[in-house]
Amino acid sequence: MREVHVVRHPLVQHKLTLMRQAERTTKGFRQLLNEVGMLLCYEVTRDLPLADVEIETPITTMQSPMVAGKKLVFAPILRAGLGFVDGMLDLVPSARVAHIGLYRDPKTLQAVEYYFKAPPDVAERLVIVLDPMLATANSAVAAVDRLKERGCKELRLVCLLAAPEGIERFHGAHPEVPIWTAAVDSHLNEHGYIVPGLGDAGDRMFGTR
């Protein structure tokens, strides 16, 4: 699938299996989501540009590579996207964070926005949108729509699980935005949940199920 990167690292797949288990506790689910978020962050930032800078080691001066350009923006879709943020900030502590508040109307399954806050220069930065479940993709599409309204041009999406229907819907709206995910599952059920999936990531993360 074009512009879909499935991260098959053994640790990612192992932790995903643990998260799928229905008996996993809220604490355990939240911790695993944090850990997987960190591992996915390695993958989505793999091609960041580098520039050599002069540094002083304890022995001598040298030219050594550092990440070039403006700092990243992590943009979690509330609530569940917050589960990725701490792990990613552990790797990229200087990143900015935008918050996009969306909920899925239970009848129409459409995304409804209730909050948006981003750095003032977000349009000049690489923005990584975070949403654990790419199911109907309505929330992800709405989030990227909103970021594009703010002038963002370089965007990437990170999710834990994706459904084929969600990928088709998302890339139908935003074909140039690449996706990183730990797995592409079978399909959506009549309620818009990913099958076999892992349930509602937000409810499992916050203990509201």
N, C-alpha and C. Protein backbone atom coordinates (compact mmCIF):
# COMPACT_ATOMS: atom_id res chain seq x y z
N MET A 1 0.85 -1.20 0.00
CA MET A 1 0.00 0.00 0.00
C MET A 1 0.88 1.24 0.00
N ARG A 2 0.62 2.15 -0.96
CA ARG A 2 1.44 3.35 -1.08
C ARG A 2 1.26 4.24 0.15
N GLU A 3 2.38 4.74 0.65
CA GLU A 3 2.39 5.68 1.77
C GLU A 3 1.85 5.08 3.07
N VAL A 4 1.87 3.76 3.19
CA VAL A 4 1.52 3.11 4.46
C VAL A 4 2.73 2.28 4.89
N HIS A 5 3.29 2.61 6.05
CA HIS A 5 4.47 1.94 6.56
C HIS A 5 4.06 1.10 7.78
N VAL A 6 4.07 -0.21 7.62
CA VAL A 6 3.73 -1.11 8.72
C VAL A 6 5.02 -1.46 9.46
N VAL A 7 5.08 -1.10 10.73
CA VAL A 7 6.28 -1.31 11.54
C VAL A 7 6.24 -2.73 12.11
N ARG A 8 7.11 -3.59 11.57
CA ARG A 8 7.08 -5.00 11.95
C ARG A 8 8.17 -5.38 12.94
N HIS A 9 8.75 -4.38 13.61
CA HIS A 9 9.79 -4.67 14.60
C HIS A 9 9.23 -5.64 15.65
N PRO A 10 10.00 -6.66 16.03
CA PRO A 10 9.49 -7.65 16.98
C PRO A 10 8.97 -7.06 18.29
N LEU A 11 9.61 -6.03 18.81
CA LEU A 11 9.13 -5.45 20.06
C LEU A 11 7.79 -4.75 19.88
N VAL A 12 7.61 -4.10 18.75
CA VAL A 12 6.32 -3.46 18.48
C VAL A 12 5.22 -4.51 18.37
N GLN A 13 5.48 -5.59 17.64
CA GLN A 13 4.47 -6.63 17.47
C GLN A 13 4.17 -7.35 18.78
N HIS A 14 5.18 -7.59 19.59
CA HIS A 14 4.99 -8.23 20.90
C HIS A 14 4.10 -7.37 21.80
N LYS A 15 4.42 -6.07 21.88
CA LYS A 15 3.66 -5.19 22.75
C LYS A 15 2.24 -5.00 22.24
N LEU A 16 2.07 -4.98 20.93
CA LEU A 16 0.73 -4.87 20.37
C LEU A 16 -0.12 -6.07 20.76
N THR A 17 0.46 -7.27 20.72
CA THR A 17 -0.27 -8.47 21.13
C THR A 17 -0.72 -8.38 22.57
N LEU A 18 0.16 -7.88 23.45
CA LEU A 18 -0.20 -7.70 24.85
C LEU A 18 -1.37 -6.72 24.99
N MET A 19 -1.36 -5.66 24.17
CA MET A 19 -2.42 -4.66 24.26
C MET A 19 -3.76 -5.19 23.75
N ARG A 20 -3.72 -6.12 22.82
CA ARG A 20 -4.97 -6.67 22.29
C ARG A 20 -5.70 -7.52 23.32
N GLN A 21 -5.00 -8.07 24.30
CA GLN A 21 -5.61 -9.00 25.25
C GLN A 21 -6.66 -8.29 26.10
N ALA A 22 -7.85 -8.85 26.14
CA ALA A 22 -8.97 -8.22 26.83
C ALA A 22 -8.71 -8.06 28.32
N GLU A 23 -7.89 -8.97 28.90
CA GLU A 23 -7.66 -8.92 30.35
C GLU A 23 -6.59 -7.92 30.76
N ARG A 24 -5.96 -7.23 29.80
CA ARG A 24 -4.91 -6.27 30.11
C ARG A 24 -5.47 -5.14 30.98
N THR A 25 -4.80 -4.79 32.07
CA THR A 25 -5.31 -3.75 32.97
C THR A 25 -5.15 -2.37 32.34
N THR A 26 -5.86 -1.41 32.90
CA THR A 26 -5.73 -0.02 32.43
C THR A 26 -4.30 0.46 32.56
N LYS A 27 -3.68 0.18 33.70
CA LYS A 27 -2.29 0.59 33.90
C LYS A 27 -1.38 -0.06 32.86
N GLY A 28 -1.57 -1.36 32.64
CA GLY A 28 -0.73 -2.07 31.68
C GLY A 28 -0.93 -1.58 30.26
N PHE A 29 -2.18 -1.32 29.89
CA PHE A 29 -2.48 -0.83 28.55
C PHE A 29 -1.84 0.53 28.33
N ARG A 30 -1.98 1.41 29.32
CA ARG A 30 -1.42 2.76 29.21
C ARG A 30 0.11 2.72 29.09
N GLN A 31 0.74 1.87 29.88
CA GLN A 31 2.20 1.75 29.83
C GLN A 31 2.66 1.22 28.48
N LEU A 32 1.96 0.22 27.97
CA LEU A 32 2.33 -0.36 26.67
C LEU A 32 2.14 0.65 25.54
N LEU A 33 1.06 1.43 25.60
CA LEU A 33 0.83 2.44 24.57
C LEU A 33 1.96 3.47 24.57
N ASN A 34 2.41 3.82 25.75
CA ASN A 34 3.54 4.74 25.88
C ASN A 34 4.80 4.14 25.24
N GLU A 35 5.05 2.87 25.53
CA GLU A 35 6.25 2.21 25.01
C GLU A 35 6.19 2.05 23.49
N VAL A 36 5.03 1.64 22.98
CA VAL A 36 4.89 1.49 21.53
C VAL A 36 5.01 2.85 20.85
N GLY A 37 4.48 3.88 21.48
CA GLY A 37 4.62 5.22 20.93
C GLY A 37 6.07 5.62 20.74
N MET A 38 6.89 5.28 21.73
CA MET A 38 8.32 5.58 21.62
C MET A 38 8.95 4.82 20.46
N LEU A 39 8.60 3.54 20.30
CA LEU A 39 9.17 2.75 19.22
C LEU A 39 8.70 3.24 17.85
N LEU A 40 7.43 3.62 17.75
CA LEU A 40 6.93 4.16 16.49
C LEU A 40 7.58 5.50 16.16
N CYS A 41 7.93 6.24 17.20
CA CYS A 41 8.60 7.53 16.99
C CYS A 41 9.95 7.33 16.29
N TYR A 42 10.66 6.27 16.65
CA TYR A 42 11.92 5.97 15.97
C TYR A 42 11.69 5.83 14.46
N GLU A 43 10.60 5.15 14.11
CA GLU A 43 10.34 4.86 12.70
C GLU A 43 9.89 6.10 11.93
N VAL A 44 8.99 6.88 12.51
CA VAL A 44 8.44 8.01 11.78
C VAL A 44 9.45 9.14 11.62
N THR A 45 10.50 9.13 12.46
CA THR A 45 11.54 10.17 12.37
C THR A 45 12.82 9.64 11.72
N ARG A 46 12.76 8.48 11.14
CA ARG A 46 13.97 7.83 10.61
C ARG A 46 14.67 8.68 9.55
N ASP A 47 13.93 9.46 8.77
CA ASP A 47 14.53 10.20 7.67
C ASP A 47 14.66 11.70 7.94
N LEU A 48 14.64 12.10 9.20
CA LEU A 48 14.81 13.52 9.49
C LEU A 48 16.15 14.02 8.96
N PRO A 49 16.21 15.24 8.44
CA PRO A 49 17.47 15.76 7.89
C PRO A 49 18.48 16.04 8.99
N LEU A 50 19.76 15.84 8.66
CA LEU A 50 20.86 16.09 9.59
C LEU A 50 21.77 17.16 9.01
N ALA A 51 22.44 17.88 9.89
CA ALA A 51 23.46 18.84 9.48
C ALA A 51 24.64 18.72 10.44
N ASP A 52 25.84 18.78 9.90
CA ASP A 52 27.04 18.69 10.73
C ASP A 52 27.27 20.00 11.47
N VAL A 53 27.59 19.86 12.75
CA VAL A 53 27.95 21.01 13.58
C VAL A 53 29.29 20.71 14.25
N GLU A 54 29.98 21.77 14.62
CA GLU A 54 31.27 21.58 15.31
C GLU A 54 31.04 21.49 16.81
N ILE A 55 31.55 20.44 17.41
CA ILE A 55 31.45 20.25 18.86
C ILE A 55 32.82 19.98 19.44
N GLU A 56 32.91 20.06 20.76
CA GLU A 56 34.14 19.77 21.48
C GLU A 56 33.93 18.50 22.29
N THR A 57 34.65 17.45 21.98
CA THR A 57 34.63 16.24 22.80
C THR A 57 35.68 16.40 23.90
N PRO A 58 35.76 15.48 24.86
CA PRO A 58 36.83 15.56 25.86
C PRO A 58 38.23 15.43 25.26
N ILE A 59 38.29 15.02 23.99
CA ILE A 59 39.60 14.80 23.35
C ILE A 59 39.95 15.89 22.35
N THR A 60 38.95 16.29 21.51
CA THR A 60 39.27 17.23 20.43
C THR A 60 37.97 17.83 19.88
N THR A 61 38.10 18.71 18.90
CA THR A 61 36.92 19.21 18.20
C THR A 61 36.62 18.30 17.01
N MET A 62 35.34 18.29 16.60
CA MET A 62 34.96 17.47 15.46
C MET A 62 33.68 18.00 14.84
N GLN A 63 33.40 17.58 13.62
CA GLN A 63 32.12 17.81 12.99
C GLN A 63 31.24 16.59 13.25
N SER A 64 30.03 16.83 13.75
CA SER A 64 29.15 15.71 14.10
C SER A 64 27.71 16.06 13.74
N PRO A 65 26.89 15.08 13.32
CA PRO A 65 25.53 15.39 12.84
C PRO A 65 24.53 15.63 13.97
N MET A 66 23.65 16.61 13.72
CA MET A 66 22.51 16.87 14.59
C MET A 66 21.29 17.10 13.71
N VAL A 67 20.11 16.88 14.28
CA VAL A 67 18.87 17.10 13.52
C VAL A 67 18.78 18.56 13.11
N ALA A 68 18.51 18.77 11.83
CA ALA A 68 18.47 20.12 11.27
C ALA A 68 17.03 20.63 11.18
N GLY A 69 16.89 21.93 11.04
CA GLY A 69 15.58 22.53 10.82
C GLY A 69 14.83 22.80 12.12
N LYS A 70 13.60 23.27 11.96
CA LYS A 70 12.77 23.60 13.12
C LYS A 70 12.34 22.33 13.85
N LYS A 71 12.04 22.48 15.12
CA LYS A 71 11.65 21.35 15.95
C LYS A 71 10.29 20.79 15.49
N LEU A 72 10.09 19.51 15.79
CA LEU A 72 8.86 18.82 15.41
C LEU A 72 7.67 19.32 16.22
N VAL A 73 6.48 19.03 15.68
CA VAL A 73 5.24 19.19 16.44
C VAL A 73 4.55 17.83 16.51
N PHE A 74 4.26 17.36 17.72
CA PHE A 74 3.41 16.20 17.90
C PHE A 74 1.98 16.71 18.10
N ALA A 75 1.03 16.16 17.35
CA ALA A 75 -0.35 16.63 17.40
C ALA A 75 -1.28 15.49 17.75
N PRO A 76 -1.44 15.17 19.05
CA PRO A 76 -2.36 14.09 19.43
C PRO A 76 -3.81 14.50 19.25
N ILE A 77 -4.61 13.54 18.74
CA ILE A 77 -6.05 13.73 18.70
C ILE A 77 -6.60 13.24 20.04
N LEU A 78 -7.24 14.15 20.78
CA LEU A 78 -7.74 13.82 22.12
C LEU A 78 -8.92 12.87 22.02
N ARG A 79 -9.05 11.90 22.93
CA ARG A 79 -8.25 11.64 24.10
C ARG A 79 -7.07 10.71 23.83
N ALA A 80 -7.36 9.68 23.07
CA ALA A 80 -6.44 8.54 23.02
C ALA A 80 -5.07 8.89 22.48
N GLY A 81 -4.97 9.90 21.63
CA GLY A 81 -3.67 10.28 21.09
C GLY A 81 -2.68 10.70 22.15
N LEU A 82 -3.19 11.12 23.32
CA LEU A 82 -2.30 11.51 24.41
C LEU A 82 -1.43 10.34 24.87
N GLY A 83 -1.90 9.11 24.65
CA GLY A 83 -1.13 7.94 25.09
C GLY A 83 0.21 7.81 24.41
N PHE A 84 0.37 8.41 23.22
CA PHE A 84 1.64 8.37 22.51
C PHE A 84 2.62 9.45 22.96
N VAL A 85 2.10 10.53 23.54
CA VAL A 85 2.90 11.76 23.65
C VAL A 85 4.10 11.61 24.58
N ASP A 86 3.92 11.04 25.77
CA ASP A 86 5.02 10.98 26.72
C ASP A 86 6.19 10.17 26.17
N GLY A 87 5.90 9.03 25.56
CA GLY A 87 6.97 8.21 25.00
C GLY A 87 7.72 8.94 23.90
N MET A 88 6.99 9.66 23.07
CA MET A 88 7.64 10.39 21.98
C MET A 88 8.44 11.57 22.50
N LEU A 89 7.92 12.25 23.53
CA LEU A 89 8.66 13.37 24.11
C LEU A 89 9.91 12.90 24.84
N ASP A 90 9.90 11.67 25.34
CA ASP A 90 11.13 11.13 25.93
C ASP A 90 12.25 11.08 24.89
N LEU A 91 11.88 10.80 23.63
CA LEU A 91 12.87 10.75 22.56
C LEU A 91 13.18 12.12 21.99
N VAL A 92 12.15 12.96 21.89
CA VAL A 92 12.31 14.28 21.28
C VAL A 92 11.78 15.33 22.27
N PRO A 93 12.51 15.57 23.36
CA PRO A 93 11.98 16.44 24.42
C PRO A 93 11.79 17.89 24.01
N SER A 94 12.42 18.31 22.92
CA SER A 94 12.28 19.70 22.48
C SER A 94 11.09 19.91 21.55
N ALA A 95 10.38 18.84 21.21
CA ALA A 95 9.25 18.97 20.29
C ALA A 95 8.15 19.83 20.90
N ARG A 96 7.42 20.50 20.04
CA ARG A 96 6.22 21.23 20.45
C ARG A 96 5.04 20.25 20.43
N VAL A 97 3.95 20.61 21.11
CA VAL A 97 2.76 19.76 21.13
C VAL A 97 1.53 20.59 20.78
N ALA A 98 0.80 20.15 19.77
CA ALA A 98 -0.51 20.71 19.45
C ALA A 98 -1.57 19.76 19.97
N HIS A 99 -2.71 20.29 20.37
CA HIS A 99 -3.80 19.45 20.86
C HIS A 99 -5.02 19.65 19.96
N ILE A 100 -5.58 18.51 19.50
CA ILE A 100 -6.75 18.55 18.64
C ILE A 100 -7.85 17.73 19.31
N GLY A 101 -8.87 18.42 19.78
CA GLY A 101 -9.97 17.75 20.47
C GLY A 101 -11.08 17.39 19.51
N LEU A 102 -11.28 16.09 19.29
CA LEU A 102 -12.33 15.58 18.42
C LEU A 102 -13.02 14.41 19.12
N TYR A 103 -14.31 14.29 18.93
CA TYR A 103 -14.97 13.07 19.38
C TYR A 103 -15.84 12.55 18.24
N ARG A 104 -16.10 11.25 18.28
CA ARG A 104 -16.89 10.60 17.24
C ARG A 104 -18.34 10.54 17.65
N ASP A 105 -19.20 11.19 16.88
CA ASP A 105 -20.63 11.13 17.17
C ASP A 105 -21.08 9.67 17.08
N PRO A 106 -21.68 9.13 18.14
CA PRO A 106 -22.01 7.69 18.15
C PRO A 106 -23.04 7.28 17.11
N LYS A 107 -23.84 8.23 16.61
CA LYS A 107 -24.87 7.89 15.62
C LYS A 107 -24.35 8.04 14.20
N THR A 108 -23.69 9.16 13.92
CA THR A 108 -23.23 9.41 12.55
C THR A 108 -21.80 8.94 12.30
N LEU A 109 -21.04 8.70 13.39
CA LEU A 109 -19.62 8.34 13.35
C LEU A 109 -18.74 9.47 12.79
N GLN A 110 -19.31 10.66 12.64
CA GLN A 110 -18.54 11.80 12.14
C GLN A 110 -17.77 12.46 13.28
N ALA A 111 -16.66 13.10 12.93
CA ALA A 111 -15.83 13.76 13.92
C ALA A 111 -16.38 15.15 14.25
N VAL A 112 -16.45 15.47 15.54
CA VAL A 112 -16.91 16.77 16.00
C VAL A 112 -15.76 17.43 16.77
N GLU A 113 -15.36 18.62 16.35
CA GLU A 113 -14.24 19.31 17.01
C GLU A 113 -14.74 20.09 18.22
N TYR A 114 -13.99 20.01 19.35
CA TYR A 114 -14.32 20.80 20.52
C TYR A 114 -13.13 21.59 21.05
N TYR A 115 -11.90 21.34 20.49
CA TYR A 115 -10.74 22.07 20.98
C TYR A 115 -9.63 22.00 19.95
N PHE A 116 -8.90 23.11 19.79
CA PHE A 116 -7.73 23.13 18.92
C PHE A 116 -6.76 24.17 19.45
N LYS A 117 -5.51 23.74 19.68
CA LYS A 117 -4.47 24.65 20.15
C LYS A 117 -3.14 24.17 19.59
N ALA A 118 -2.46 25.04 18.85
CA ALA A 118 -1.20 24.67 18.19
C ALA A 118 -0.20 25.80 18.33
N PRO A 119 1.12 25.48 18.21
CA PRO A 119 2.12 26.53 18.22
C PRO A 119 1.84 27.55 17.11
N PRO A 120 2.15 28.82 17.34
CA PRO A 120 1.83 29.84 16.33
C PRO A 120 2.53 29.64 14.99
N ASP A 121 3.71 29.00 15.01
CA ASP A 121 4.44 28.76 13.76
C ASP A 121 4.33 27.31 13.31
N VAL A 122 3.21 26.66 13.63
CA VAL A 122 3.04 25.23 13.30
C VAL A 122 3.17 24.98 11.80
N ALA A 123 2.80 25.95 10.98
CA ALA A 123 2.87 25.77 9.53
C ALA A 123 4.29 25.61 9.01
N GLU A 124 5.27 26.02 9.81
CA GLU A 124 6.67 25.96 9.38
C GLU A 124 7.36 24.69 9.86
N ARG A 125 6.63 23.79 10.49
CA ARG A 125 7.24 22.62 11.12
C ARG A 125 6.66 21.32 10.55
N LEU A 126 7.43 20.24 10.72
CA LEU A 126 6.90 18.90 10.45
C LEU A 126 5.94 18.55 11.58
N VAL A 127 4.70 18.19 11.22
CA VAL A 127 3.68 17.86 12.21
C VAL A 127 3.36 16.38 12.12
N ILE A 128 3.46 15.70 13.25
CA ILE A 128 3.16 14.28 13.33
C ILE A 128 1.86 14.11 14.11
N VAL A 129 0.81 13.71 13.40
CA VAL A 129 -0.52 13.54 13.99
C VAL A 129 -0.59 12.17 14.65
N LEU A 130 -1.11 12.13 15.86
CA LEU A 130 -1.12 10.91 16.66
C LEU A 130 -2.57 10.49 16.97
N ASP A 131 -2.92 9.28 16.52
CA ASP A 131 -4.26 8.75 16.77
C ASP A 131 -4.16 7.23 16.79
N PRO A 132 -4.29 6.58 17.95
CA PRO A 132 -4.03 5.14 18.01
C PRO A 132 -4.85 4.29 17.05
N MET A 133 -6.11 4.68 16.77
CA MET A 133 -6.97 3.84 15.94
C MET A 133 -7.39 4.58 14.67
N LEU A 134 -6.97 4.07 13.52
CA LEU A 134 -7.44 4.60 12.24
C LEU A 134 -8.56 3.69 11.78
N ALA A 135 -9.77 3.97 12.26
CA ALA A 135 -10.93 3.11 11.98
C ALA A 135 -11.72 3.68 10.80
N THR A 136 -12.71 4.54 11.08
CA THR A 136 -13.41 5.21 9.98
C THR A 136 -12.53 6.28 9.35
N ALA A 137 -11.54 6.74 10.09
CA ALA A 137 -10.61 7.81 9.68
C ALA A 137 -11.24 9.19 9.71
N ASN A 138 -12.47 9.31 10.18
CA ASN A 138 -13.12 10.62 10.19
C ASN A 138 -12.37 11.61 11.08
N SER A 139 -11.89 11.16 12.25
CA SER A 139 -11.15 12.05 13.14
C SER A 139 -9.81 12.45 12.53
N ALA A 140 -9.10 11.49 11.95
CA ALA A 140 -7.80 11.78 11.36
C ALA A 140 -7.94 12.74 10.18
N VAL A 141 -8.95 12.53 9.35
CA VAL A 141 -9.18 13.43 8.23
C VAL A 141 -9.50 14.83 8.73
N ALA A 142 -10.37 14.93 9.74
CA ALA A 142 -10.74 16.24 10.28
C ALA A 142 -9.53 16.95 10.90
N ALA A 143 -8.67 16.19 11.59
CA ALA A 143 -7.48 16.78 12.21
C ALA A 143 -6.53 17.34 11.15
N VAL A 144 -6.29 16.57 10.10
CA VAL A 144 -5.39 17.04 9.04
C VAL A 144 -6.03 18.20 8.29
N ASP A 145 -7.34 18.16 8.06
CA ASP A 145 -8.04 19.30 7.46
C ASP A 145 -7.75 20.58 8.26
N ARG A 146 -7.87 20.47 9.58
CA ARG A 146 -7.69 21.62 10.47
C ARG A 146 -6.25 22.13 10.42
N LEU A 147 -5.30 21.22 10.41
CA LEU A 147 -3.90 21.61 10.35
C LEU A 147 -3.56 22.26 9.01
N LYS A 148 -4.14 21.75 7.95
CA LYS A 148 -3.91 22.37 6.63
C LYS A 148 -4.52 23.77 6.58
N GLU A 149 -5.63 23.97 7.28
CA GLU A 149 -6.21 25.31 7.36
C GLU A 149 -5.24 26.29 8.01
N ARG A 150 -4.40 25.77 8.91
CA ARG A 150 -3.38 26.60 9.56
C ARG A 150 -2.11 26.71 8.73
N GLY A 151 -2.11 26.14 7.53
CA GLY A 151 -0.98 26.29 6.63
C GLY A 151 0.03 25.17 6.67
N CYS A 152 -0.24 24.10 7.41
CA CYS A 152 0.72 22.99 7.52
C CYS A 152 0.82 22.26 6.18
N LYS A 153 2.06 22.00 5.79
CA LYS A 153 2.30 21.33 4.51
C LYS A 153 3.01 19.99 4.66
N GLU A 154 3.77 19.83 5.74
CA GLU A 154 4.51 18.59 5.95
C GLU A 154 3.88 17.85 7.13
N LEU A 155 3.12 16.81 6.82
CA LEU A 155 2.34 16.10 7.83
C LEU A 155 2.58 14.60 7.70
N ARG A 156 2.53 13.92 8.86
CA ARG A 156 2.60 12.47 8.91
C ARG A 156 1.60 11.99 9.96
N LEU A 157 1.09 10.78 9.77
CA LEU A 157 0.13 10.21 10.72
C LEU A 157 0.71 8.95 11.33
N VAL A 158 0.64 8.85 12.66
CA VAL A 158 1.06 7.65 13.38
C VAL A 158 -0.16 7.07 14.08
N CYS A 159 -0.42 5.77 13.85
CA CYS A 159 -1.50 5.09 14.55
C CYS A 159 -1.00 3.71 15.00
N LEU A 160 -1.68 3.16 15.98
CA LEU A 160 -1.33 1.83 16.47
C LEU A 160 -1.93 0.76 15.55
N LEU A 161 -3.20 0.92 15.21
CA LEU A 161 -3.91 -0.01 14.33
C LEU A 161 -4.64 0.76 13.25
N ALA A 162 -4.76 0.14 12.09
CA ALA A 162 -5.51 0.74 10.99
C ALA A 162 -6.42 -0.31 10.37
N ALA A 163 -7.55 0.13 9.88
CA ALA A 163 -8.44 -0.72 9.08
C ALA A 163 -8.29 -0.32 7.62
N PRO A 164 -8.45 -1.29 6.70
CA PRO A 164 -8.36 -0.94 5.27
C PRO A 164 -9.31 0.18 4.88
N GLU A 165 -10.52 0.18 5.46
CA GLU A 165 -11.49 1.23 5.15
C GLU A 165 -10.98 2.60 5.60
N GLY A 166 -10.30 2.62 6.77
CA GLY A 166 -9.76 3.88 7.28
C GLY A 166 -8.63 4.41 6.41
N ILE A 167 -7.77 3.50 5.96
CA ILE A 167 -6.67 3.91 5.09
C ILE A 167 -7.23 4.49 3.78
N GLU A 168 -8.22 3.79 3.21
CA GLU A 168 -8.80 4.26 1.95
C GLU A 168 -9.45 5.63 2.12
N ARG A 169 -10.18 5.79 3.21
CA ARG A 169 -10.84 7.09 3.47
C ARG A 169 -9.81 8.19 3.71
N PHE A 170 -8.79 7.90 4.50
CA PHE A 170 -7.79 8.92 4.82
C PHE A 170 -7.03 9.34 3.58
N HIS A 171 -6.56 8.37 2.81
CA HIS A 171 -5.78 8.72 1.62
C HIS A 171 -6.66 9.24 0.49
N GLY A 172 -7.96 8.98 0.55
CA GLY A 172 -8.86 9.62 -0.39
C GLY A 172 -8.91 11.13 -0.16
N ALA A 173 -8.80 11.52 1.12
CA ALA A 173 -8.83 12.95 1.48
C ALA A 173 -7.45 13.58 1.46
N HIS A 174 -6.43 12.81 1.90
CA HIS A 174 -5.08 13.36 2.04
C HIS A 174 -4.06 12.35 1.49
N PRO A 175 -4.02 12.18 0.17
CA PRO A 175 -3.18 11.13 -0.41
C PRO A 175 -1.68 11.32 -0.20
N GLU A 176 -1.26 12.55 0.08
CA GLU A 176 0.17 12.83 0.22
C GLU A 176 0.69 12.65 1.66
N VAL A 177 -0.21 12.37 2.60
CA VAL A 177 0.20 12.23 4.01
C VAL A 177 0.49 10.76 4.31
N PRO A 178 1.74 10.42 4.60
CA PRO A 178 2.07 9.02 4.87
C PRO A 178 1.58 8.57 6.24
N ILE A 179 1.36 7.26 6.35
CA ILE A 179 0.87 6.65 7.59
C ILE A 179 1.91 5.66 8.11
N TRP A 180 2.14 5.71 9.41
CA TRP A 180 2.93 4.67 10.09
C TRP A 180 2.00 3.96 11.07
N THR A 181 1.99 2.63 11.05
CA THR A 181 1.12 1.86 11.92
C THR A 181 1.80 0.55 12.29
N ALA A 182 1.35 -0.04 13.42
CA ALA A 182 1.89 -1.33 13.85
C ALA A 182 1.20 -2.49 13.14
N ALA A 183 -0.02 -2.29 12.63
CA ALA A 183 -0.74 -3.37 11.96
C ALA A 183 -1.91 -2.82 11.18
N VAL A 184 -2.24 -3.51 10.09
CA VAL A 184 -3.47 -3.24 9.34
C VAL A 184 -4.37 -4.45 9.57
N ASP A 185 -5.47 -4.24 10.28
CA ASP A 185 -6.37 -5.34 10.64
C ASP A 185 -7.36 -5.64 9.52
N SER A 186 -8.31 -6.55 9.79
CA SER A 186 -9.18 -7.10 8.76
C SER A 186 -10.20 -6.11 8.21
N HIS A 187 -11.03 -5.53 9.10
CA HIS A 187 -12.12 -4.70 8.62
C HIS A 187 -12.75 -3.96 9.79
N LEU A 188 -13.76 -3.14 9.48
CA LEU A 188 -14.57 -2.49 10.50
C LEU A 188 -15.88 -3.25 10.68
N ASN A 189 -16.36 -3.29 11.94
CA ASN A 189 -17.68 -3.89 12.16
C ASN A 189 -18.77 -2.82 11.98
N GLU A 190 -20.01 -3.21 12.23
CA GLU A 190 -21.14 -2.31 11.99
C GLU A 190 -21.13 -1.10 12.92
N HIS A 191 -20.36 -1.15 13.99
CA HIS A 191 -20.27 -0.03 14.93
C HIS A 191 -19.05 0.85 14.66
N GLY A 192 -18.31 0.53 13.60
CA GLY A 192 -17.14 1.34 13.27
C GLY A 192 -15.91 1.00 14.06
N TYR A 193 -15.86 -0.20 14.68
CA TYR A 193 -14.69 -0.64 15.42
C TYR A 193 -13.83 -1.56 14.56
N ILE A 194 -12.51 -1.47 14.77
CA ILE A 194 -11.58 -2.32 14.03
C ILE A 194 -11.67 -3.76 14.52
N VAL A 195 -11.69 -4.71 13.58
CA VAL A 195 -11.73 -6.15 13.88
C VAL A 195 -10.47 -6.80 13.32
N PRO A 196 -9.71 -7.60 14.11
CA PRO A 196 -10.00 -7.97 15.50
C PRO A 196 -9.71 -6.85 16.50
N GLY A 197 -8.83 -5.92 16.18
CA GLY A 197 -8.66 -4.72 16.98
C GLY A 197 -8.26 -4.95 18.41
N LEU A 198 -8.60 -3.95 19.25
CA LEU A 198 -8.33 -4.05 20.68
C LEU A 198 -9.36 -3.28 21.50
N GLY A 199 -10.50 -2.98 20.87
CA GLY A 199 -11.53 -2.21 21.57
C GLY A 199 -11.32 -0.73 21.40
N ASP A 200 -11.88 0.06 22.30
CA ASP A 200 -11.75 1.51 22.28
C ASP A 200 -10.48 1.90 23.03
N ALA A 201 -9.50 2.44 22.31
CA ALA A 201 -8.20 2.73 22.94
C ALA A 201 -8.33 3.77 24.04
N GLY A 202 -9.17 4.79 23.84
CA GLY A 202 -9.34 5.81 24.87
C GLY A 202 -9.95 5.25 26.14
N ASP A 203 -11.00 4.43 25.99
CA ASP A 203 -11.62 3.83 27.17
C ASP A 203 -10.65 2.91 27.90
N ARG A 204 -9.89 2.13 27.16
CA ARG A 204 -8.95 1.20 27.80
C ARG A 204 -7.79 1.94 28.44
N MET A 205 -7.42 3.05 27.88
CA MET A 205 -6.30 3.82 28.43
C MET A 205 -6.69 4.56 29.72
N PHE A 206 -7.93 5.05 29.77
CA PHE A 206 -8.35 5.85 30.90
C PHE A 206 -9.29 5.12 31.86
N GLY A 207 -9.59 3.85 31.56
CA GLY A 207 -10.43 3.07 32.49
C GLY A 207 -11.87 3.49 32.48
N THR A 208 -12.37 3.95 31.33
CA THR A 208 -13.77 4.43 31.26
C THR A 208 -14.68 3.44 30.55
N ARG A 209 -14.18 2.22 30.27
CA ARG A 209 -15.03 1.24 29.59
C ARG A 209 -15.90 0.49 30.59
